[in-house]
Amino acid sequence: MTGAPLTVRRVLPAVLLVLAAAGCGEGGATEPDGTAAASCAYLVTYADRTYLGTADTDFTVGKKLGTATVPECDDTPDGPEGAVPEGRITAYAVEGTDPAVAIAVGDTPAEATLMKVR
């Protein structure tokens, strides 16, 4: 994606984030009482704070902060797919924003997604 326009590099991770969060659960699954089954939200923890993914694409990635933890996802404990295991991802500062409010996470700064404290 090095040759991709900045807009594509910003929007694509957000789209992938939404698809990943939606894909963690079974599409259209319902509980026995007829209510919709839950699906995992895209959350990470960093510095004892929990951050929720946003679709915001207007931010600038700053310096590398360290490693954030992506919690295990098992929204269908009786489902055949099993849980998505806990993972790790690089956390970056967001220029002009205190990390207590928001961070960016991704494998590289160009692929980072904005996360806001919950």
C-alpha atoms as a PDB file:
ATOM      1  CA  MET A   1       0.000   0.000   0.000  1.00  0.00           C
ATOM      2  CA  THR A   2       2.979   2.328  -0.132  1.00  0.00           C
ATOM      3  CA  GLY A   3       1.801   3.754  -3.455  1.00  0.00           C
ATOM      4  CA  ALA A   4      -1.835   4.044  -2.370  1.00  0.00           C
ATOM      5  CA  PRO A   5      -3.294   7.519  -1.854  1.00  0.00           C
ATOM      6  CA  LEU A   6      -3.461   8.727   1.765  1.00  0.00           C
ATOM      7  CA  THR A   7      -7.277   8.455   1.760  1.00  0.00           C
ATOM      8  CA  VAL A   8      -7.140   4.747   0.872  1.00  0.00           C
ATOM      9  CA  ARG A   9      -4.483   4.121   3.525  1.00  0.00           C
ATOM     10  CA  ARG A  10      -6.716   5.794   6.134  1.00  0.00           C
ATOM     11  CA  VAL A  11     -10.075   4.300   5.085  1.00  0.00           C
ATOM     12  CA  LEU A  12      -8.972   0.714   4.424  1.00  0.00           C
ATOM     13  CA  PRO A  13      -7.912  -0.020   8.034  1.00  0.00           C
ATOM     14  CA  ALA A  14     -11.229   1.380   9.300  1.00  0.00           C
ATOM     15  CA  VAL A  15     -13.155  -0.852   6.883  1.00  0.00           C
ATOM     16  CA  LEU A  16     -11.075  -3.854   7.922  1.00  0.00           C
ATOM     17  CA  LEU A  17     -11.700  -2.986  11.573  1.00  0.00           C
ATOM     18  CA  VAL A  18     -15.465  -3.009  11.062  1.00  0.00           C
ATOM     19  CA  LEU A  19     -15.315  -6.271   9.110  1.00  0.00           C
ATOM     20  CA  ALA A  20     -13.116  -7.906  11.757  1.00  0.00           C
ATOM     21  CA  ALA A  21     -15.454  -6.868  14.557  1.00  0.00           C
ATOM     22  CA  ALA A  22     -18.496  -8.085  12.628  1.00  0.00           C
ATOM     23  CA  GLY A  23     -16.777 -11.313  11.599  1.00  0.00           C
ATOM     24  CA  CYS A  24     -16.049 -12.339  15.170  1.00  0.00           C
ATOM     25  CA  GLY A  25     -19.689 -13.295  15.669  1.00  0.00           C
ATOM     26  CA  GLU A  26     -21.963 -15.452  13.566  1.00  0.00           C
ATOM     27  CA  GLY A  27     -23.791 -13.258  11.068  1.00  0.00           C
ATOM     28  CA  GLY A  28     -27.499 -13.117  11.796  1.00  0.00           C
ATOM     29  CA  ALA A  29     -27.215 -15.452  14.788  1.00  0.00           C
ATOM     30  CA  THR A  30     -29.955 -15.245  17.384  1.00  0.00           C
ATOM     31  CA  GLU A  31     -30.277 -16.308  20.988  1.00  0.00           C
ATOM     32  CA  PRO A  32     -32.919 -18.905  21.996  1.00  0.00           C
ATOM     33  CA  ASP A  33     -35.238 -16.074  23.083  1.00  0.00           C
ATOM     34  CA  GLY A  34     -35.074 -14.549  19.570  1.00  0.00           C
ATOM     35  CA  THR A  35     -32.780 -11.617  20.392  1.00  0.00           C
ATOM     36  CA  ALA A  36     -29.709 -10.934  18.304  1.00  0.00           C
ATOM     37  CA  ALA A  37     -26.498 -12.600  19.418  1.00  0.00           C
ATOM     38  CA  ALA A  38     -23.686 -10.307  20.531  1.00  0.00           C
ATOM     39  CA  SER A  39     -20.536  -9.871  18.524  1.00  0.00           C
ATOM     40  CA  CYS A  40     -17.170  -8.734  19.804  1.00  0.00           C
ATOM     41  CA  ALA A  41     -16.357  -5.049  19.653  1.00  0.00           C
ATOM     42  CA  TYR A  42     -12.850  -4.093  18.594  1.00  0.00           C
ATOM     43  CA  LEU A  43     -11.235  -3.275  21.938  1.00  0.00           C
ATOM     44  CA  VAL A  44      -7.643  -2.974  23.038  1.00  0.00           C
ATOM     45  CA  THR A  45      -6.052  -2.307  26.399  1.00  0.00           C
ATOM     46  CA  TYR A  46      -3.022  -0.123  26.856  1.00  0.00           C
ATOM     47  CA  ALA A  47      -1.623   1.450  30.049  1.00  0.00           C
ATOM     48  CA  ASP A  48      -4.521   0.068  32.121  1.00  0.00           C
ATOM     49  CA  ARG A  49      -7.125   1.713  29.867  1.00  0.00           C
ATOM     50  CA  THR A  50      -9.595   0.148  27.469  1.00  0.00           C
ATOM     51  CA  TYR A  51      -9.960   1.710  24.024  1.00  0.00           C
ATOM     52  CA  LEU A  52     -12.734   1.166  21.472  1.00  0.00           C
ATOM     53  CA  GLY A  53     -12.111   1.288  17.725  1.00  0.00           C
ATOM     54  CA  THR A  54     -13.595   4.164  15.754  1.00  0.00           C
ATOM     55  CA  ALA A  55     -14.230   4.769  12.086  1.00  0.00           C
ATOM     56  CA  ASP A  56     -12.502   8.155  12.406  1.00  0.00           C
ATOM     57  CA  THR A  57      -9.881   8.603   9.707  1.00  0.00           C
ATOM     58  CA  ASP A  58      -8.851  12.206  10.393  1.00  0.00           C
ATOM     59  CA  PHE A  59      -5.822  11.767  12.660  1.00  0.00           C
ATOM     60  CA  THR A  60      -2.060  11.741  12.455  1.00  0.00           C
ATOM     61  CA  VAL A  61      -0.041   8.890  13.918  1.00  0.00           C
ATOM     62  CA  GLY A  62       2.722   9.937  16.286  1.00  0.00           C
ATOM     63  CA  LYS A  63       5.533   8.046  17.977  1.00  0.00           C
ATOM     64  CA  LYS A  64       5.414   4.375  18.950  1.00  0.00           C
ATOM     65  CA  LEU A  65       4.162   3.972  22.526  1.00  0.00           C
ATOM     66  CA  GLY A  66       4.492   0.215  23.038  1.00  0.00           C
ATOM     67  CA  THR A  67       2.223  -2.799  22.800  1.00  0.00           C
ATOM     68  CA  ALA A  68      -1.548  -2.940  23.282  1.00  0.00           C
ATOM     69  CA  THR A  69      -3.474  -6.111  24.069  1.00  0.00           C
ATOM     70  CA  VAL A  70      -6.439  -7.282  22.008  1.00  0.00           C
ATOM     71  CA  PRO A  71      -8.631  -9.369  24.343  1.00  0.00           C
ATOM     72  CA  GLU A  72      -9.886 -12.848  23.493  1.00  0.00           C
ATOM     73  CA  CYS A  73     -13.201 -12.868  21.629  1.00  0.00           C
ATOM     74  CA  ASP A  74     -15.669 -15.657  22.275  1.00  0.00           C
ATOM     75  CA  ASP A  75     -19.151 -14.291  21.690  1.00  0.00           C
ATOM     76  CA  THR A  76     -20.513 -17.702  20.719  1.00  0.00           C
ATOM     77  CA  PRO A  77     -19.158 -20.035  23.430  1.00  0.00           C
ATOM     78  CA  ASP A  78     -21.237 -22.948  22.151  1.00  0.00           C
ATOM     79  CA  GLY A  79     -20.390 -22.221  18.505  1.00  0.00           C
ATOM     80  CA  PRO A  80     -18.173 -24.494  16.412  1.00  0.00           C
ATOM     81  CA  GLU A  81     -15.673 -21.754  15.512  1.00  0.00           C
ATOM     82  CA  GLY A  82     -14.217 -21.329  18.996  1.00  0.00           C
ATOM     83  CA  ALA A  83     -12.628 -18.233  20.430  1.00  0.00           C
ATOM     84  CA  VAL A  84     -10.288 -15.800  18.743  1.00  0.00           C
ATOM     85  CA  PRO A  85      -7.249 -15.804  21.065  1.00  0.00           C
ATOM     86  CA  GLU A  86      -5.821 -12.764  22.850  1.00  0.00           C
ATOM     87  CA  GLY A  87      -3.351 -10.867  20.701  1.00  0.00           C
ATOM     88  CA  ARG A  88      -0.858  -8.024  20.714  1.00  0.00           C
ATOM     89  CA  ILE A  89      -0.611  -4.981  18.449  1.00  0.00           C
ATOM     90  CA  THR A  90       1.609  -1.904  18.317  1.00  0.00           C
ATOM     91  CA  ALA A  91       0.224   1.229  19.983  1.00  0.00           C
ATOM     92  CA  TYR A  92       1.071   4.690  18.655  1.00  0.00           C
ATOM     93  CA  ALA A  93       0.443   8.193  19.959  1.00  0.00           C
ATOM     94  CA  VAL A  94      -2.047  10.363  18.100  1.00  0.00           C
ATOM     95  CA  GLU A  95      -0.570  13.786  17.406  1.00  0.00           C
ATOM     96  CA  GLY A  96      -2.251  16.508  19.454  1.00  0.00           C
ATOM     97  CA  THR A  97      -4.112  14.007  21.673  1.00  0.00           C
ATOM     98  CA  ASP A  98      -3.252  12.702  25.124  1.00  0.00           C
ATOM     99  CA  PRO A  99      -2.848   8.882  25.089  1.00  0.00           C
ATOM    100  CA  ALA A 100      -5.271   8.834  28.030  1.00  0.00           C
ATOM    101  CA  VAL A 101      -7.922   9.916  25.495  1.00  0.00           C
ATOM    102  CA  ALA A 102      -6.919   8.159  22.252  1.00  0.00           C
ATOM    103  CA  ILE A 103      -4.221   6.024  20.657  1.00  0.00           C
ATOM    104  CA  ALA A 104      -3.736   4.453  17.252  1.00  0.00           C
ATOM    105  CA  VAL A 105      -3.004   0.747  16.802  1.00  0.00           C
ATOM    106  CA  GLY A 106      -1.693  -1.220  13.863  1.00  0.00           C
ATOM    107  CA  ASP A 107       1.172  -3.253  12.474  1.00  0.00           C
ATOM    108  CA  THR A 108       2.638  -0.056  10.975  1.00  0.00           C
ATOM    109  CA  PRO A 109       1.834   3.658  11.371  1.00  0.00           C
ATOM    110  CA  ALA A 110       0.353   3.690   7.851  1.00  0.00           C
ATOM    111  CA  GLU A 111      -2.083   0.902   8.809  1.00  0.00           C
ATOM    112  CA  ALA A 112      -2.995   2.288  12.242  1.00  0.00           C
ATOM    113  CA  THR A 113      -6.611   2.637  13.378  1.00  0.00           C
ATOM    114  CA  LEU A 114      -7.821   5.275  15.817  1.00  0.00           C
ATOM    115  CA  MET A 115      -8.951   3.967  19.200  1.00  0.00           C
ATOM    116  CA  LYS A 116     -10.686   6.147  21.814  1.00  0.00           C
ATOM    117  CA  VAL A 117     -10.799   5.464  25.539  1.00  0.00           C
ATOM    118  CA  ARG A 118     -14.012   3.873  26.649  1.00  0.00           C
END
